[in-house]
């Protein structure tokens, strides 16, 4: 971001530009998104846009940062019942992630399809942090009977395997598999992989 907004009016302008970026991606896809189109949707001049952002990439990065924050808040608001099994906690998290793909008028789908050329590290870090905290919390509550070897490595593998699987699925023009089926299989795979060892 070129200029950090200090006043409320400036902050509203930045939010309006990020909203317009999201709408532009939904309408035109990532490659069809341009700063003139974003400015037009926001109802401002391109010059006004450039007061806050250097280019389209800066706007997309701001959008991804905002989406990562929303995902983090959404994950933290998921119901985590103390009596839930590890499988239930995994299922809740996986289904939340899969449902995200169908939200935001296709913006998440477009961003995920193009993850390799976008600054998506923050989103992956948010997912990894959530899964680590959830698993750690569960294991603390059951520490007398359960333990998991190499928790950090397992969480890293789970998050990245899940993301790659979903990216591959939604990148296909005519996928033979449904998101629901993939979610079920991911839940099964992760649960088995995370099954704690008895003491």
C-alpha atoms as a PDB file:
ATOM      1  CA  UNK A   1       0.000   0.000   0.000  1.00  0.00           C
ATOM      2  CA  UNK A   2       1.403   3.323  -1.043  1.00  0.00           C
ATOM      3  CA  UNK A   3      -0.245   5.535   1.585  1.00  0.00           C
ATOM      4  CA  UNK A   4      -1.617   4.409   4.953  1.00  0.00           C
ATOM      5  CA  UNK A   5      -5.040   5.959   5.532  1.00  0.00           C
ATOM      6  CA  UNK A   6      -5.137   8.119   8.668  1.00  0.00           C
ATOM      7  CA  UNK A   7      -8.583   9.686   8.505  1.00  0.00           C
ATOM      8  CA  UNK A   8     -11.928   7.909   8.417  1.00  0.00           C
ATOM      9  CA  UNK A   9     -12.650   9.129   4.907  1.00  0.00           C
ATOM     10  CA  UNK A  10      -9.341   7.713   3.665  1.00  0.00           C
ATOM     11  CA  UNK A  11      -9.980   4.392   5.416  1.00  0.00           C
ATOM     12  CA  UNK A  12     -13.387   4.226   3.737  1.00  0.00           C
ATOM     13  CA  UNK A  13     -11.748   4.903   0.370  1.00  0.00           C
ATOM     14  CA  UNK A  14      -9.283   2.035   0.893  1.00  0.00           C
ATOM     15  CA  UNK A  15     -12.106  -0.328   1.925  1.00  0.00           C
ATOM     16  CA  UNK A  16     -14.114   0.777  -1.099  1.00  0.00           C
ATOM     17  CA  UNK A  17     -11.159   0.013  -3.384  1.00  0.00           C
ATOM     18  CA  UNK A  18     -10.668  -3.429  -1.822  1.00  0.00           C
ATOM     19  CA  UNK A  19     -14.422  -4.130  -2.169  1.00  0.00           C
ATOM     20  CA  UNK A  20     -14.232  -3.042  -5.812  1.00  0.00           C
ATOM     21  CA  UNK A  21     -11.251  -5.355  -6.367  1.00  0.00           C
ATOM     22  CA  UNK A  22     -13.298  -8.266  -5.031  1.00  0.00           C
ATOM     23  CA  UNK A  23     -16.243  -7.352  -7.270  1.00  0.00           C
ATOM     24  CA  UNK A  24     -13.971  -6.957 -10.285  1.00  0.00           C
ATOM     25  CA  UNK A  25     -12.423 -10.393  -9.761  1.00  0.00           C
ATOM     26  CA  UNK A  26     -15.927 -11.887  -9.397  1.00  0.00           C
ATOM     27  CA  UNK A  27     -17.040 -10.275 -12.683  1.00  0.00           C
ATOM     28  CA  UNK A  28     -13.920 -10.455 -14.835  1.00  0.00           C
ATOM     29  CA  UNK A  29     -11.613 -13.032 -13.261  1.00  0.00           C
ATOM     30  CA  UNK A  30      -8.104 -12.333 -12.089  1.00  0.00           C
ATOM     31  CA  UNK A  31      -6.655 -11.676 -15.546  1.00  0.00           C
ATOM     32  CA  UNK A  32      -9.530  -9.384 -16.501  1.00  0.00           C
ATOM     33  CA  UNK A  33      -9.141  -7.305 -13.364  1.00  0.00           C
ATOM     34  CA  UNK A  34      -7.487  -3.950 -14.077  1.00  0.00           C
ATOM     35  CA  UNK A  35      -6.987  -0.761 -12.098  1.00  0.00           C
ATOM     36  CA  UNK A  36      -9.303   1.222 -14.430  1.00  0.00           C
ATOM     37  CA  UNK A  37     -12.063  -1.363 -13.908  1.00  0.00           C
ATOM     38  CA  UNK A  38     -11.503  -1.350 -10.144  1.00  0.00           C
ATOM     39  CA  UNK A  39     -11.624   2.463 -10.068  1.00  0.00           C
ATOM     40  CA  UNK A  40     -14.817   2.453 -12.142  1.00  0.00           C
ATOM     41  CA  UNK A  41     -16.536  -0.027  -9.814  1.00  0.00           C
ATOM     42  CA  UNK A  42     -15.401   2.001  -6.788  1.00  0.00           C
ATOM     43  CA  UNK A  43     -16.658   5.202  -8.412  1.00  0.00           C
ATOM     44  CA  UNK A  44     -13.321   6.993  -8.189  1.00  0.00           C
ATOM     45  CA  UNK A  45     -10.656   8.125 -10.614  1.00  0.00           C
ATOM     46  CA  UNK A  46      -7.643   5.944 -11.378  1.00  0.00           C
ATOM     47  CA  UNK A  47      -5.540   8.785  -9.926  1.00  0.00           C
ATOM     48  CA  UNK A  48      -7.373   8.458  -6.607  1.00  0.00           C
ATOM     49  CA  UNK A  49      -6.731   4.710  -6.642  1.00  0.00           C
ATOM     50  CA  UNK A  50      -3.002   5.304  -7.193  1.00  0.00           C
ATOM     51  CA  UNK A  51      -2.854   7.557  -4.129  1.00  0.00           C
ATOM     52  CA  UNK A  52      -3.278   4.404  -2.021  1.00  0.00           C
ATOM     53  CA  UNK A  53      -2.084   1.493  -4.169  1.00  0.00           C
ATOM     54  CA  UNK A  54       0.819   1.170  -6.596  1.00  0.00           C
ATOM     55  CA  UNK A  55      -0.894  -1.317  -8.866  1.00  0.00           C
ATOM     56  CA  UNK A  56      -3.432  -4.116  -9.240  1.00  0.00           C
ATOM     57  CA  UNK A  57      -1.149  -6.508  -7.363  1.00  0.00           C
ATOM     58  CA  UNK A  58      -1.190  -4.234  -4.308  1.00  0.00           C
ATOM     59  CA  UNK A  59      -4.988  -4.231  -4.318  1.00  0.00           C
ATOM     60  CA  UNK A  60      -5.126  -8.011  -4.681  1.00  0.00           C
ATOM     61  CA  UNK A  61      -2.662  -8.411  -1.823  1.00  0.00           C
ATOM     62  CA  UNK A  62      -4.833  -6.146   0.353  1.00  0.00           C
ATOM     63  CA  UNK A  63      -7.879  -8.248  -0.571  1.00  0.00           C
ATOM     64  CA  UNK A  64      -6.076 -11.483   0.310  1.00  0.00           C
ATOM     65  CA  UNK A  65      -4.940  -9.987   3.629  1.00  0.00           C
ATOM     66  CA  UNK A  66      -8.530  -9.034   4.419  1.00  0.00           C
ATOM     67  CA  UNK A  67      -9.764 -12.493   3.398  1.00  0.00           C
ATOM     68  CA  UNK A  68      -7.128 -14.139   5.599  1.00  0.00           C
ATOM     69  CA  UNK A  69      -8.383 -12.080   8.550  1.00  0.00           C
ATOM     70  CA  UNK A  70     -11.993 -13.069   7.791  1.00  0.00           C
ATOM     71  CA  UNK A  71     -11.018 -16.739   7.511  1.00  0.00           C
ATOM     72  CA  UNK A  72      -9.166 -16.540  10.830  1.00  0.00           C
ATOM     73  CA  UNK A  73     -12.197 -14.983  12.540  1.00  0.00           C
ATOM     74  CA  UNK A  74     -14.492 -17.550  10.927  1.00  0.00           C
ATOM     75  CA  UNK A  75     -12.330 -20.443  12.093  1.00  0.00           C
ATOM     76  CA  UNK A  76     -12.167 -19.034  15.624  1.00  0.00           C
ATOM     77  CA  UNK A  77     -15.962 -18.769  15.718  1.00  0.00           C
ATOM     78  CA  UNK A  78     -16.483 -22.433  14.795  1.00  0.00           C
ATOM     79  CA  UNK A  79     -18.227 -24.377  17.559  1.00  0.00           C
ATOM     80  CA  UNK A  80     -15.643 -26.471  19.379  1.00  0.00           C
ATOM     81  CA  UNK A  81     -17.587 -28.592  21.837  1.00  0.00           C
ATOM     82  CA  UNK A  82     -15.496 -29.996  24.688  1.00  0.00           C
ATOM     83  CA  UNK A  83     -17.152 -33.377  24.216  1.00  0.00           C
ATOM     84  CA  UNK A  84     -16.477 -33.464  20.447  1.00  0.00           C
ATOM     85  CA  UNK A  85     -14.182 -36.128  19.090  1.00  0.00           C
ATOM     86  CA  UNK A  86     -11.035 -35.284  17.145  1.00  0.00           C
ATOM     87  CA  UNK A  87     -12.854 -36.470  14.005  1.00  0.00           C
ATOM     88  CA  UNK A  88     -15.712 -34.014  14.696  1.00  0.00           C
ATOM     89  CA  UNK A  89     -13.272 -31.124  15.118  1.00  0.00           C
ATOM     90  CA  UNK A  90     -11.478 -32.047  11.895  1.00  0.00           C
ATOM     91  CA  UNK A  91     -14.790 -32.391  10.027  1.00  0.00           C
ATOM     92  CA  UNK A  92     -15.946 -28.954  11.203  1.00  0.00           C
ATOM     93  CA  UNK A  93     -12.721 -27.316  10.016  1.00  0.00           C
ATOM     94  CA  UNK A  94     -12.588 -29.133   6.652  1.00  0.00           C
ATOM     95  CA  UNK A  95     -16.248 -28.441   5.854  1.00  0.00           C
ATOM     96  CA  UNK A  96     -15.767 -24.765   6.764  1.00  0.00           C
ATOM     97  CA  UNK A  97     -12.858 -24.581   4.306  1.00  0.00           C
ATOM     98  CA  UNK A  98     -14.736 -26.320   1.506  1.00  0.00           C
ATOM     99  CA  UNK A  99     -17.790 -24.093   2.041  1.00  0.00           C
ATOM    100  CA  UNK A 100     -15.554 -21.027   1.658  1.00  0.00           C
ATOM    101  CA  UNK A 101     -14.819 -22.035  -1.921  1.00  0.00           C
ATOM    102  CA  UNK A 102     -18.460 -21.515  -2.845  1.00  0.00           C
ATOM    103  CA  UNK A 103     -18.777 -18.144  -1.108  1.00  0.00           C
ATOM    104  CA  UNK A 104     -17.909 -14.597  -2.211  1.00  0.00           C
ATOM    105  CA  UNK A 105     -19.441 -14.988  -5.682  1.00  0.00           C
ATOM    106  CA  UNK A 106     -16.596 -17.162  -6.910  1.00  0.00           C
ATOM    107  CA  UNK A 107     -13.792 -14.881  -5.723  1.00  0.00           C
ATOM    108  CA  UNK A 108     -12.298 -17.555  -3.454  1.00  0.00           C
ATOM    109  CA  UNK A 109     -12.401 -20.039  -6.328  1.00  0.00           C
ATOM    110  CA  UNK A 110     -10.600 -17.606  -8.618  1.00  0.00           C
ATOM    111  CA  UNK A 111      -7.978 -16.796  -5.986  1.00  0.00           C
ATOM    112  CA  UNK A 112      -7.409 -20.466  -5.179  1.00  0.00           C
ATOM    113  CA  UNK A 113      -7.121 -21.368  -8.871  1.00  0.00           C
ATOM    114  CA  UNK A 114      -4.346 -18.793  -9.145  1.00  0.00           C
ATOM    115  CA  UNK A 115      -2.716 -19.377  -5.750  1.00  0.00           C
ATOM    116  CA  UNK A 116       0.702 -20.076  -7.326  1.00  0.00           C
ATOM    117  CA  UNK A 117       1.011 -16.486  -8.539  1.00  0.00           C
ATOM    118  CA  UNK A 118      -0.519 -14.707  -5.564  1.00  0.00           C
ATOM    119  CA  UNK A 119       0.744 -13.842  -2.071  1.00  0.00           C
ATOM    120  CA  UNK A 120      -1.274 -16.600  -0.368  1.00  0.00           C
ATOM    121  CA  UNK A 121       1.195 -17.406   2.413  1.00  0.00           C
ATOM    122  CA  UNK A 122      -0.878 -15.526   4.992  1.00  0.00           C
ATOM    123  CA  UNK A 123      -3.958 -17.660   4.304  1.00  0.00           C
ATOM    124  CA  UNK A 124      -1.977 -20.903   4.571  1.00  0.00           C
ATOM    125  CA  UNK A 125      -0.391 -19.648   7.804  1.00  0.00           C
ATOM    126  CA  UNK A 126      -3.836 -18.809   9.252  1.00  0.00           C
ATOM    127  CA  UNK A 127      -5.144 -22.293   8.443  1.00  0.00           C
ATOM    128  CA  UNK A 128      -2.047 -23.942   9.859  1.00  0.00           C
ATOM    129  CA  UNK A 129      -2.254 -21.880  13.061  1.00  0.00           C
ATOM    130  CA  UNK A 130      -5.934 -22.739  13.531  1.00  0.00           C
ATOM    131  CA  UNK A 131      -5.385 -26.454  13.043  1.00  0.00           C
ATOM    132  CA  UNK A 132      -2.395 -26.432  15.380  1.00  0.00           C
ATOM    133  CA  UNK A 133      -4.347 -24.592  18.109  1.00  0.00           C
ATOM    134  CA  UNK A 134      -7.390 -26.853  17.738  1.00  0.00           C
ATOM    135  CA  UNK A 135      -5.348 -30.042  17.858  1.00  0.00           C
ATOM    136  CA  UNK A 136      -3.195 -28.791  20.713  1.00  0.00           C
ATOM    137  CA  UNK A 137      -6.275 -27.804  22.726  1.00  0.00           C
ATOM    138  CA  UNK A 138      -7.856 -31.206  22.124  1.00  0.00           C
ATOM    139  CA  UNK A 139      -4.701 -33.045  23.139  1.00  0.00           C
ATOM    140  CA  UNK A 140      -4.326 -30.958  26.308  1.00  0.00           C
ATOM    141  CA  UNK A 141      -7.821 -31.985  27.364  1.00  0.00           C
ATOM    142  CA  UNK A 142      -6.987 -35.643  26.731  1.00  0.00           C
ATOM    143  CA  UNK A 143      -3.322 -35.612  27.749  1.00  0.00           C
ATOM    144  CA  UNK A 144      -3.719 -38.528  30.165  1.00  0.00           C
ATOM    145  CA  UNK A 145      -4.675 -40.989  27.459  1.00  0.00           C
ATOM    146  CA  UNK A 146      -3.519 -39.545  24.144  1.00  0.00           C
ATOM    147  CA  UNK A 147      -0.380 -38.240  22.492  1.00  0.00           C
ATOM    148  CA  UNK A 148       0.571 -37.408  18.924  1.00  0.00           C
ATOM    149  CA  UNK A 149       4.126 -37.687  17.662  1.00  0.00           C
ATOM    150  CA  UNK A 150       5.580 -34.835  15.572  1.00  0.00           C
ATOM    151  CA  UNK A 151       2.506 -32.612  15.844  1.00  0.00           C
ATOM    152  CA  UNK A 152       3.979 -29.586  14.039  1.00  0.00           C
ATOM    153  CA  UNK A 153       5.174 -31.656  11.090  1.00  0.00           C
ATOM    154  CA  UNK A 154       1.822 -33.433  10.849  1.00  0.00           C
ATOM    155  CA  UNK A 155      -0.134 -30.157  10.914  1.00  0.00           C
ATOM    156  CA  UNK A 156       2.123 -28.715   8.188  1.00  0.00           C
ATOM    157  CA  UNK A 157       1.562 -31.772   6.000  1.00  0.00           C
ATOM    158  CA  UNK A 158      -2.196 -31.812   6.637  1.00  0.00           C
ATOM    159  CA  UNK A 159      -2.773 -28.146   5.829  1.00  0.00           C
ATOM    160  CA  UNK A 160      -0.660 -28.170   2.688  1.00  0.00           C
ATOM    161  CA  UNK A 161      -2.019 -31.515   1.454  1.00  0.00           C
ATOM    162  CA  UNK A 162      -5.570 -30.286   1.973  1.00  0.00           C
ATOM    163  CA  UNK A 163      -4.918 -26.995   0.185  1.00  0.00           C
ATOM    164  CA  UNK A 164      -3.207 -28.713  -2.744  1.00  0.00           C
ATOM    165  CA  UNK A 165      -6.023 -31.274  -3.032  1.00  0.00           C
ATOM    166  CA  UNK A 166      -8.673 -28.534  -3.131  1.00  0.00           C
ATOM    167  CA  UNK A 167      -6.660 -26.440  -5.582  1.00  0.00           C
ATOM    168  CA  UNK A 168      -6.323 -29.434  -7.912  1.00  0.00           C
ATOM    169  CA  UNK A 169     -10.022 -30.250  -7.610  1.00  0.00           C
ATOM    170  CA  UNK A 170     -11.306 -26.786  -8.417  1.00  0.00           C
ATOM    171  CA  UNK A 171      -8.720 -26.200 -11.148  1.00  0.00           C
ATOM    172  CA  UNK A 172     -10.288 -28.932 -13.263  1.00  0.00           C
ATOM    173  CA  UNK A 173     -12.812 -27.827 -15.877  1.00  0.00           C
ATOM    174  CA  UNK A 174     -15.007 -30.909 -15.478  1.00  0.00           C
ATOM    175  CA  UNK A 175     -14.082 -32.564 -12.194  1.00  0.00           C
ATOM    176  CA  UNK A 176     -15.227 -36.158 -11.827  1.00  0.00           C
ATOM    177  CA  UNK A 177     -15.284 -35.804  -8.043  1.00  0.00           C
ATOM    178  CA  UNK A 178     -17.505 -33.558  -5.956  1.00  0.00           C
ATOM    179  CA  UNK A 179     -16.282 -31.206  -3.238  1.00  0.00           C
ATOM    180  CA  UNK A 180     -18.474 -33.092  -0.740  1.00  0.00           C
ATOM    181  CA  UNK A 181     -16.817 -36.412  -1.575  1.00  0.00           C
ATOM    182  CA  UNK A 182     -13.347 -34.889  -1.376  1.00  0.00           C
ATOM    183  CA  UNK A 183     -14.241 -33.292   1.981  1.00  0.00           C
ATOM    184  CA  UNK A 184     -15.381 -36.665   3.343  1.00  0.00           C
ATOM    185  CA  UNK A 185     -12.185 -38.347   2.190  1.00  0.00           C
ATOM    186  CA  UNK A 186     -10.007 -35.538   3.568  1.00  0.00           C
ATOM    187  CA  UNK A 187     -11.733 -35.878   6.941  1.00  0.00           C
ATOM    188  CA  UNK A 188     -11.092 -39.627   6.897  1.00  0.00           C
ATOM    189  CA  UNK A 189      -7.455 -39.229   5.858  1.00  0.00           C
ATOM    190  CA  UNK A 190      -6.664 -36.487   8.386  1.00  0.00           C
ATOM    191  CA  UNK A 191      -8.414 -38.289  11.215  1.00  0.00           C
ATOM    192  CA  UNK A 192      -6.460 -41.481  10.581  1.00  0.00           C
ATOM    193  CA  UNK A 193      -3.210 -39.564  10.247  1.00  0.00           C
ATOM    194  CA  UNK A 194      -3.839 -37.680  13.490  1.00  0.00           C
ATOM    195  CA  UNK A 195      -5.096 -40.644  15.484  1.00  0.00           C
ATOM    196  CA  UNK A 196      -3.227 -40.274  18.760  1.00  0.00           C
ATOM    197  CA  UNK A 197      -1.078 -43.049  20.078  1.00  0.00           C
ATOM    198  CA  UNK A 198      -2.092 -44.552  23.423  1.00  0.00           C
ATOM    199  CA  UNK A 199       0.353 -43.955  26.270  1.00  0.00           C
END
